[in-house]
Amino acid sequence: MKDKYRLAEKFLVLSACPHGDDAELDMKAFKSMKIKRDNLFHGKLKNEEALPVAEVLQLLKKCLRLHITAKHA
Protein backbone atom coordinates (compact mmCIF):
# COMPACT_ATOMS: atom_id res chain seq x y z
CA MET A 1 0.00 0.00 0.00
CA LYS A 2 1.41 3.33 -1.05
CA ASP A 3 -1.12 5.44 0.84
CA LYS A 4 -0.28 6.59 4.32
CA TYR A 5 -3.84 5.92 5.48
CA ARG A 6 -5.94 2.82 4.92
CA LEU A 7 -9.38 2.92 3.34
CA ALA A 8 -11.09 2.33 6.69
CA GLU A 9 -9.22 5.25 8.26
CA LYS A 10 -10.23 7.53 5.40
CA PHE A 11 -13.85 6.44 5.81
CA LEU A 12 -13.74 7.16 9.53
CA VAL A 13 -12.64 10.74 8.90
CA LEU A 14 -15.29 11.17 6.22
CA SER A 15 -18.10 9.77 8.36
CA ALA A 16 -17.12 11.61 11.54
CA CYS A 17 -17.16 15.09 10.05
CA PRO A 18 -20.82 15.69 9.19
CA HIS A 19 -22.42 13.36 11.74
CA GLY A 20 -20.21 12.49 14.66
CA ASP A 21 -22.97 10.72 16.60
CA ASP A 22 -23.39 7.92 14.04
CA ALA A 23 -19.74 7.66 13.06
CA GLU A 24 -18.98 4.68 15.29
CA LEU A 25 -21.96 2.66 14.02
CA ASP A 26 -21.16 3.58 10.43
CA MET A 27 -17.54 2.54 10.92
CA LYS A 28 -18.60 -0.87 12.25
CA ALA A 29 -20.90 -1.34 9.26
CA PHE A 30 -18.16 -0.22 6.87
CA LYS A 31 -15.62 -2.63 8.37
CA SER A 32 -18.09 -5.51 8.08
CA MET A 33 -18.74 -4.69 4.43
CA LYS A 34 -15.04 -4.33 3.70
CA ILE A 35 -14.27 -7.73 5.21
CA LYS A 36 -16.75 -9.33 2.81
CA ARG A 37 -15.25 -7.42 -0.11
CA ASP A 38 -11.72 -8.42 0.89
CA ASN A 39 -12.76 -12.05 1.25
CA LEU A 40 -14.10 -12.04 -2.31
CA PHE A 41 -10.97 -10.47 -3.76
CA HIS A 42 -8.66 -12.80 -1.83
CA GLY A 43 -10.57 -15.92 -2.86
CA LYS A 44 -12.11 -16.74 0.52
CA LEU A 45 -15.63 -15.90 -0.70
CA LYS A 46 -16.82 -17.57 -3.89
CA ASN A 47 -20.34 -16.14 -4.13
CA GLU A 48 -20.55 -12.54 -5.35
CA GLU A 49 -24.19 -12.49 -4.31
CA ALA A 50 -23.05 -12.53 -0.68
CA LEU A 51 -21.60 -9.04 -1.10
CA PRO A 52 -23.55 -6.34 0.79
CA VAL A 53 -24.29 -4.19 -2.27
CA ALA A 54 -27.54 -2.71 -0.91
CA GLU A 55 -25.89 -1.86 2.41
CA VAL A 56 -22.94 -0.18 0.69
CA LEU A 57 -25.28 1.94 -1.42
CA GLN A 58 -27.34 2.87 1.63
CA LEU A 59 -24.24 3.97 3.56
CA LEU A 60 -22.90 5.89 0.56
CA LYS A 61 -26.21 7.72 0.11
CA LYS A 62 -26.29 8.56 3.81
CA CYS A 63 -22.77 9.99 3.76
CA LEU A 64 -23.43 12.01 0.62
CA ARG A 65 -26.72 13.34 1.96
CA LEU A 66 -25.10 14.38 5.24
CA HIS A 67 -22.19 15.97 3.45
CA ILE A 68 -24.46 18.01 1.19
CA THR A 69 -26.65 19.02 4.13
CA ALA A 70 -23.65 20.10 6.19
CA LYS A 71 -22.14 22.01 3.29
CA HIS A 72 -25.34 24.00 2.69
CA ALA A 73 -26.18 24.64 6.34
PDB file of N, CA and C in Angstrom:
ATOM      1  N   MET A   1       0.832  -1.178   0.000  1.00  0.00           N
ATOM      2  CA  MET A   1       0.000   0.000   0.000  1.00  0.00           C
ATOM      3  C   MET A   1       0.879   1.245   0.000  1.00  0.00           C
ATOM      4  N   LYS A   2       0.625   2.111  -0.940  1.00  0.00           N
ATOM      5  CA  LYS A   2       1.405   3.329  -1.046  1.00  0.00           C
ATOM      6  C   LYS A   2       0.828   4.445  -0.200  1.00  0.00           C
ATOM      7  N   ASP A   3      -0.480   4.394   0.047  1.00  0.00           N
ATOM      8  CA  ASP A   3      -1.121   5.436   0.843  1.00  0.00           C
ATOM      9  C   ASP A   3      -0.672   5.371   2.291  1.00  0.00           C
ATOM     10  N   LYS A   4      -0.639   6.528   2.913  1.00  0.00           N
ATOM     11  CA  LYS A   4      -0.285   6.593   4.325  1.00  0.00           C
ATOM     12  C   LYS A   4      -1.438   6.087   5.194  1.00  0.00           C
ATOM     13  N   TYR A   5      -2.662   6.315   4.718  1.00  0.00           N
ATOM     14  CA  TYR A   5      -3.844   5.923   5.483  1.00  0.00           C
ATOM     15  C   TYR A   5      -4.608   4.837   4.746  1.00  0.00           C
ATOM     16  N   ARG A   6      -5.144   3.902   5.493  1.00  0.00           N
ATOM     17  CA  ARG A   6      -5.936   2.823   4.916  1.00  0.00           C
ATOM     18  C   ARG A   6      -7.331   3.322   4.592  1.00  0.00           C
ATOM     19  N   LEU A   7      -8.031   2.556   3.769  1.00  0.00           N
ATOM     20  CA  LEU A   7      -9.375   2.924   3.344  1.00  0.00           C
ATOM     21  C   LEU A   7     -10.307   3.104   4.540  1.00  0.00           C
ATOM     22  N   ALA A   8     -10.227   2.227   5.517  1.00  0.00           N
ATOM     23  CA  ALA A   8     -11.092   2.329   6.694  1.00  0.00           C
ATOM     24  C   ALA A   8     -10.816   3.609   7.479  1.00  0.00           C
ATOM     25  N   GLU A   9      -9.566   4.008   7.553  1.00  0.00           N
ATOM     26  CA  GLU A   9      -9.218   5.246   8.258  1.00  0.00           C
ATOM     27  C   GLU A   9      -9.761   6.457   7.512  1.00  0.00           C
ATOM     28  N   LYS A  10      -9.686   6.436   6.197  1.00  0.00           N
ATOM     29  CA  LYS A  10     -10.232   7.525   5.396  1.00  0.00           C
ATOM     30  C   LYS A  10     -11.751   7.605   5.576  1.00  0.00           C
ATOM     31  N   PHE A  11     -12.403   6.449   5.612  1.00  0.00           N
ATOM     32  CA  PHE A  11     -13.848   6.439   5.807  1.00  0.00           C
ATOM     33  C   PHE A  11     -14.214   7.000   7.172  1.00  0.00           C
ATOM     34  N   LEU A  12     -13.462   6.663   8.187  1.00  0.00           N
ATOM     35  CA  LEU A  12     -13.744   7.158   9.531  1.00  0.00           C
ATOM     36  C   LEU A  12     -13.713   8.678   9.568  1.00  0.00           C
ATOM     37  N   VAL A  13     -12.730   9.277   8.941  1.00  0.00           N
ATOM     38  CA  VAL A  13     -12.641  10.742   8.899  1.00  0.00           C
ATOM     39  C   VAL A  13     -13.837  11.307   8.144  1.00  0.00           C
ATOM     40  N   LEU A  14     -14.162  10.713   7.023  1.00  0.00           N
ATOM     41  CA  LEU A  14     -15.295  11.172   6.223  1.00  0.00           C
ATOM     42  C   LEU A  14     -16.600  11.070   6.994  1.00  0.00           C
ATOM     43  N   SER A  15     -16.824   9.968   7.674  1.00  0.00           N
ATOM     44  CA  SER A  15     -18.096   9.767   8.363  1.00  0.00           C
ATOM     45  C   SER A  15     -18.200  10.577   9.650  1.00  0.00           C
ATOM     46  N   ALA A  16     -17.089  10.876  10.266  1.00  0.00           N
ATOM     47  CA  ALA A  16     -17.120  11.605  11.538  1.00  0.00           C
ATOM     48  C   ALA A  16     -17.404  13.087  11.351  1.00  0.00           C
ATOM     49  N   CYS A  17     -17.013  13.648  10.244  1.00  0.00           N
ATOM     50  CA  CYS A  17     -17.157  15.094  10.053  1.00  0.00           C
ATOM     51  C   CYS A  17     -18.600  15.569  10.085  1.00  0.00           C
ATOM     52  N   PRO A  18     -19.476  15.128   9.196  1.00  0.00           N
ATOM     53  CA  PRO A  18     -20.823  15.691   9.195  1.00  0.00           C
ATOM     54  C   PRO A  18     -21.752  15.135  10.265  1.00  0.00           C
ATOM     55  N   HIS A  19     -21.484  13.963  10.797  1.00  0.00           N
ATOM     56  CA  HIS A  19     -22.424  13.356  11.743  1.00  0.00           C
ATOM     57  C   HIS A  19     -21.696  12.510  12.771  1.00  0.00           C
ATOM     58  N   GLY A  20     -21.024  13.165  13.666  1.00  0.00           N
ATOM     59  CA  GLY A  20     -20.205  12.493  14.662  1.00  0.00           C
ATOM     60  C   GLY A  20     -20.928  11.462  15.498  1.00  0.00           C
ATOM     61  N   ASP A  21     -22.235  11.647  15.732  1.00  0.00           N
ATOM     62  CA  ASP A  21     -22.968  10.721  16.598  1.00  0.00           C
ATOM     63  C   ASP A  21     -23.071   9.321  16.007  1.00  0.00           C
ATOM     64  N   ASP A  22     -23.226   9.215  14.697  1.00  0.00           N
ATOM     65  CA  ASP A  22     -23.388   7.918  14.042  1.00  0.00           C
ATOM     66  C   ASP A  22     -22.078   7.344  13.515  1.00  0.00           C
ATOM     67  N   ALA A  23     -21.003   8.061  13.668  1.00  0.00           N
ATOM     68  CA  ALA A  23     -19.739   7.659  13.055  1.00  0.00           C
ATOM     69  C   ALA A  23     -19.281   6.276  13.516  1.00  0.00           C
ATOM     70  N   GLU A  24     -19.435   5.984  14.784  1.00  0.00           N
ATOM     71  CA  GLU A  24     -18.978   4.678  15.295  1.00  0.00           C
ATOM     72  C   GLU A  24     -19.790   3.539  14.689  1.00  0.00           C
ATOM     73  N   LEU A  25     -21.104   3.700  14.622  1.00  0.00           N
ATOM     74  CA  LEU A  25     -21.961   2.662  14.019  1.00  0.00           C
ATOM     75  C   LEU A  25     -21.659   2.511  12.535  1.00  0.00           C
ATOM     76  N   ASP A  26     -21.474   3.637  11.852  1.00  0.00           N
ATOM     77  CA  ASP A  26     -21.162   3.578  10.429  1.00  0.00           C
ATOM     78  C   ASP A  26     -19.819   2.912  10.194  1.00  0.00           C
ATOM     79  N   MET A  27     -18.864   3.159  11.059  1.00  0.00           N
ATOM     80  CA  MET A  27     -17.543   2.544  10.915  1.00  0.00           C
ATOM     81  C   MET A  27     -17.636   1.030  11.093  1.00  0.00           C
ATOM     82  N   LYS A  28     -18.422   0.582  12.062  1.00  0.00           N
ATOM     83  CA  LYS A  28     -18.602  -0.869  12.255  1.00  0.00           C
ATOM     84  C   LYS A  28     -19.228  -1.496  11.019  1.00  0.00           C
ATOM     85  N   ALA A  29     -20.240  -0.826  10.466  1.00  0.00           N
ATOM     86  CA  ALA A  29     -20.896  -1.336   9.259  1.00  0.00           C
ATOM     87  C   ALA A  29     -19.913  -1.362   8.093  1.00  0.00           C
ATOM     88  N   PHE A  30     -19.137  -0.289   7.949  1.00  0.00           N
ATOM     89  CA  PHE A  30     -18.157  -0.216   6.871  1.00  0.00           C
ATOM     90  C   PHE A  30     -17.136  -1.348   6.981  1.00  0.00           C
ATOM     91  N   LYS A  31     -16.615  -1.566   8.176  1.00  0.00           N
ATOM     92  CA  LYS A  31     -15.616  -2.629   8.365  1.00  0.00           C
ATOM     93  C   LYS A  31     -16.186  -4.001   8.018  1.00  0.00           C
ATOM     94  N   SER A  32     -17.436  -4.239   8.401  1.00  0.00           N
ATOM     95  CA  SER A  32     -18.086  -5.514   8.082  1.00  0.00           C
ATOM     96  C   SER A  32     -18.212  -5.696   6.567  1.00  0.00           C
ATOM     97  N   MET A  33     -18.615  -4.631   5.892  1.00  0.00           N
ATOM     98  CA  MET A  33     -18.743  -4.688   4.433  1.00  0.00           C
ATOM     99  C   MET A  33     -17.385  -4.895   3.774  1.00  0.00           C
ATOM    100  N   LYS A  34     -16.374  -4.226   4.281  1.00  0.00           N
ATOM    101  CA  LYS A  34     -15.036  -4.326   3.700  1.00  0.00           C
ATOM    102  C   LYS A  34     -14.453  -5.731   3.880  1.00  0.00           C
ATOM    103  N   ILE A  35     -14.736  -6.355   4.993  1.00  0.00           N
ATOM    104  CA  ILE A  35     -14.265  -7.732   5.212  1.00  0.00           C
ATOM    105  C   ILE A  35     -14.840  -8.655   4.147  1.00  0.00           C
ATOM    106  N   LYS A  36     -16.129  -8.496   3.848  1.00  0.00           N
ATOM    107  CA  LYS A  36     -16.754  -9.332   2.812  1.00  0.00           C
ATOM    108  C   LYS A  36     -16.132  -9.059   1.444  1.00  0.00           C
ATOM    109  N   ARG A  37     -15.883  -7.792   1.155  1.00  0.00           N
ATOM    110  CA  ARG A  37     -15.246  -7.419  -0.112  1.00  0.00           C
ATOM    111  C   ARG A  37     -13.846  -8.009  -0.198  1.00  0.00           C
ATOM    112  N   ASP A  38     -13.072  -7.879   0.869  1.00  0.00           N
ATOM    113  CA  ASP A  38     -11.717  -8.417   0.893  1.00  0.00           C
ATOM    114  C   ASP A  38     -11.719  -9.927   0.720  1.00  0.00           C
ATOM    115  N   ASN A  39     -12.663 -10.590   1.373  1.00  0.00           N
ATOM    116  CA  ASN A  39     -12.760 -12.050   1.249  1.00  0.00           C
ATOM    117  C   ASN A  39     -13.026 -12.481  -0.184  1.00  0.00           C
ATOM    118  N   LEU A  40     -13.839 -11.719  -0.905  1.00  0.00           N
ATOM    119  CA  LEU A  40     -14.100 -12.036  -2.308  1.00  0.00           C
ATOM    120  C   LEU A  40     -12.828 -11.857  -3.132  1.00  0.00           C
ATOM    121  N   PHE A  41     -12.156 -10.741  -2.954  1.00  0.00           N
ATOM    122  CA  PHE A  41     -10.973 -10.466  -3.761  1.00  0.00           C
ATOM    123  C   PHE A  41      -9.792 -11.358  -3.417  1.00  0.00           C
ATOM    124  N   HIS A  42      -9.761 -11.916  -2.222  1.00  0.00           N
ATOM    125  CA  HIS A  42      -8.659 -12.799  -1.829  1.00  0.00           C
ATOM    126  C   HIS A  42      -9.041 -14.277  -1.940  1.00  0.00           C
ATOM    127  N   GLY A  43     -10.180 -14.552  -2.565  1.00  0.00           N
ATOM    128  CA  GLY A  43     -10.566 -15.922  -2.862  1.00  0.00           C
ATOM    129  C   GLY A  43     -11.203 -16.693  -1.724  1.00  0.00           C
ATOM    130  N   LYS A  44     -11.497 -16.046  -0.613  1.00  0.00           N
ATOM    131  CA  LYS A  44     -12.115 -16.743   0.517  1.00  0.00           C
ATOM    132  C   LYS A  44     -13.635 -16.820   0.367  1.00  0.00           C
ATOM    133  N   LEU A  45     -14.186 -15.948  -0.467  1.00  0.00           N
ATOM    134  CA  LEU A  45     -15.627 -15.905  -0.705  1.00  0.00           C
ATOM    135  C   LEU A  45     -15.843 -16.180  -2.181  1.00  0.00           C
ATOM    136  N   LYS A  46     -16.636 -17.178  -2.494  1.00  0.00           N
ATOM    137  CA  LYS A  46     -16.824 -17.568  -3.890  1.00  0.00           C
ATOM    138  C   LYS A  46     -18.109 -17.008  -4.488  1.00  0.00           C
ATOM    139  N   ASN A  47     -19.032 -16.563  -3.663  1.00  0.00           N
ATOM    140  CA  ASN A  47     -20.338 -16.141  -4.132  1.00  0.00           C
ATOM    141  C   ASN A  47     -20.453 -14.620  -4.102  1.00  0.00           C
ATOM    142  N   GLU A  48     -20.436 -13.995  -5.272  1.00  0.00           N
ATOM    143  CA  GLU A  48     -20.554 -12.541  -5.348  1.00  0.00           C
ATOM    144  C   GLU A  48     -21.874 -12.046  -4.769  1.00  0.00           C
ATOM    145  N   GLU A  49     -22.876 -12.881  -4.813  1.00  0.00           N
ATOM    146  CA  GLU A  49     -24.194 -12.486  -4.311  1.00  0.00           C
ATOM    147  C   GLU A  49     -24.198 -12.276  -2.801  1.00  0.00           C
ATOM    148  N   ALA A  50     -23.153 -12.722  -2.126  1.00  0.00           N
ATOM    149  CA  ALA A  50     -23.047 -12.529  -0.678  1.00  0.00           C
ATOM    150  C   ALA A  50     -22.519 -11.135  -0.333  1.00  0.00           C
ATOM    151  N   LEU A  51     -22.094 -10.391  -1.356  1.00  0.00           N
ATOM    152  CA  LEU A  51     -21.603  -9.040  -1.100  1.00  0.00           C
ATOM    153  C   LEU A  51     -22.750  -8.123  -0.674  1.00  0.00           C
ATOM    154  N   PRO A  52     -22.493  -7.217   0.261  1.00  0.00           N
ATOM    155  CA  PRO A  52     -23.548  -6.342   0.789  1.00  0.00           C
ATOM    156  C   PRO A  52     -23.770  -5.097  -0.079  1.00  0.00           C
ATOM    157  N   VAL A  53     -24.157  -5.303  -1.315  1.00  0.00           N
ATOM    158  CA  VAL A  53     -24.292  -4.194  -2.266  1.00  0.00           C
ATOM    159  C   VAL A  53     -25.325  -3.174  -1.784  1.00  0.00           C
ATOM    160  N   ALA A  54     -26.485  -3.630  -1.364  1.00  0.00           N
ATOM    161  CA  ALA A  54     -27.537  -2.707  -0.913  1.00  0.00           C
ATOM    162  C   ALA A  54     -27.082  -1.906   0.302  1.00  0.00           C
ATOM    163  N   GLU A  55     -26.375  -2.546   1.215  1.00  0.00           N
ATOM    164  CA  GLU A  55     -25.891  -1.861   2.413  1.00  0.00           C
ATOM    165  C   GLU A  55     -24.839  -0.809   2.069  1.00  0.00           C
ATOM    166  N   VAL A  56     -23.968  -1.129   1.123  1.00  0.00           N
ATOM    167  CA  VAL A  56     -22.941  -0.180   0.693  1.00  0.00           C
ATOM    168  C   VAL A  56     -23.604   1.048   0.070  1.00  0.00           C
ATOM    169  N   LEU A  57     -24.575   0.820  -0.794  1.00  0.00           N
ATOM    170  CA  LEU A  57     -25.277   1.939  -1.420  1.00  0.00           C
ATOM    171  C   LEU A  57     -26.007   2.791  -0.391  1.00  0.00           C
ATOM    172  N   GLN A  58     -26.622   2.143   0.580  1.00  0.00           N
ATOM    173  CA  GLN A  58     -27.336   2.872   1.635  1.00  0.00           C
ATOM    174  C   GLN A  58     -26.365   3.750   2.433  1.00  0.00           C
ATOM    175  N   LEU A  59     -25.226   3.204   2.792  1.00  0.00           N
ATOM    176  CA  LEU A  59     -24.239   3.969   3.558  1.00  0.00           C
ATOM    177  C   LEU A  59     -23.656   5.109   2.719  1.00  0.00           C
ATOM    178  N   LEU A  60     -23.403   4.851   1.451  1.00  0.00           N
ATOM    179  CA  LEU A  60     -22.898   5.888   0.563  1.00  0.00           C
ATOM    180  C   LEU A  60     -23.902   7.036   0.440  1.00  0.00           C
ATOM    181  N   LYS A  61     -25.168   6.689   0.223  1.00  0.00           N
ATOM    182  CA  LYS A  61     -26.208   7.717   0.114  1.00  0.00           C
ATOM    183  C   LYS A  61     -26.314   8.532   1.396  1.00  0.00           C
ATOM    184  N   LYS A  62     -26.217   7.862   2.529  1.00  0.00           N
ATOM    185  CA  LYS A  62     -26.287   8.563   3.814  1.00  0.00           C
ATOM    186  C   LYS A  62     -25.136   9.554   3.950  1.00  0.00           C
ATOM    187  N   CYS A  63     -23.938   9.115   3.636  1.00  0.00           N
ATOM    188  CA  CYS A  63     -22.772   9.994   3.759  1.00  0.00           C
ATOM    189  C   CYS A  63     -22.867  11.174   2.802  1.00  0.00           C
ATOM    190  N   LEU A  64     -23.285  10.921   1.577  1.00  0.00           N
ATOM    191  CA  LEU A  64     -23.426  12.011   0.616  1.00  0.00           C
ATOM    192  C   LEU A  64     -24.504  12.997   1.042  1.00  0.00           C
ATOM    193  N   ARG A  65     -25.634  12.476   1.508  1.00  0.00           N
ATOM    194  CA  ARG A  65     -26.722  13.336   1.957  1.00  0.00           C
ATOM    195  C   ARG A  65     -26.267  14.214   3.135  1.00  0.00           C
ATOM    196  N   LEU A  66     -25.588  13.623   4.085  1.00  0.00           N
ATOM    197  CA  LEU A  66     -25.104  14.377   5.241  1.00  0.00           C
ATOM    198  C   LEU A  66     -24.049  15.409   4.845  1.00  0.00           C
ATOM    199  N   HIS A  67     -23.210  15.038   3.913  1.00  0.00           N
ATOM    200  CA  HIS A  67     -22.186  15.968   3.447  1.00  0.00           C
ATOM    201  C   HIS A  67     -22.818  17.172   2.755  1.00  0.00           C
ATOM    202  N   ILE A  68     -23.784  16.915   1.894  1.00  0.00           N
ATOM    203  CA  ILE A  68     -24.463  18.010   1.186  1.00  0.00           C
ATOM    204  C   ILE A  68     -25.227  18.892   2.164  1.00  0.00           C
ATOM    205  N   THR A  69     -25.897  18.268   3.126  1.00  0.00           N
ATOM    206  CA  THR A  69     -26.654  19.023   4.127  1.00  0.00           C
ATOM    207  C   THR A  69     -25.711  19.901   4.957  1.00  0.00           C
ATOM    208  N   ALA A  70     -24.600  19.352   5.380  1.00  0.00           N
ATOM    209  CA  ALA A  70     -23.646  20.105   6.191  1.00  0.00           C
ATOM    210  C   ALA A  70     -23.014  21.245   5.392  1.00  0.00           C
ATOM    211  N   LYS A  71     -22.770  21.006   4.132  1.00  0.00           N
ATOM    212  CA  LYS A  71     -22.136  22.012   3.285  1.00  0.00           C
ATOM    213  C   LYS A  71     -23.073  23.210   3.034  1.00  0.00           C
ATOM    214  N   HIS A  72     -24.370  22.948   2.989  1.00  0.00           N
ATOM    215  CA  HIS A  72     -25.340  23.997   2.689  1.00  0.00           C
ATOM    216  C   HIS A  72     -26.020  24.552   3.937  1.00  0.00           C
ATOM    217  N   ALA A  73     -25.560  24.148   5.088  1.00  0.00           N
ATOM    218  CA  ALA A  73     -26.178  24.637   6.340  1.00  0.00           C
ATOM    219  C   ALA A  73     -25.645  25.993   6.745  1.00  0.00           C
TER     220      ALA A  73
END
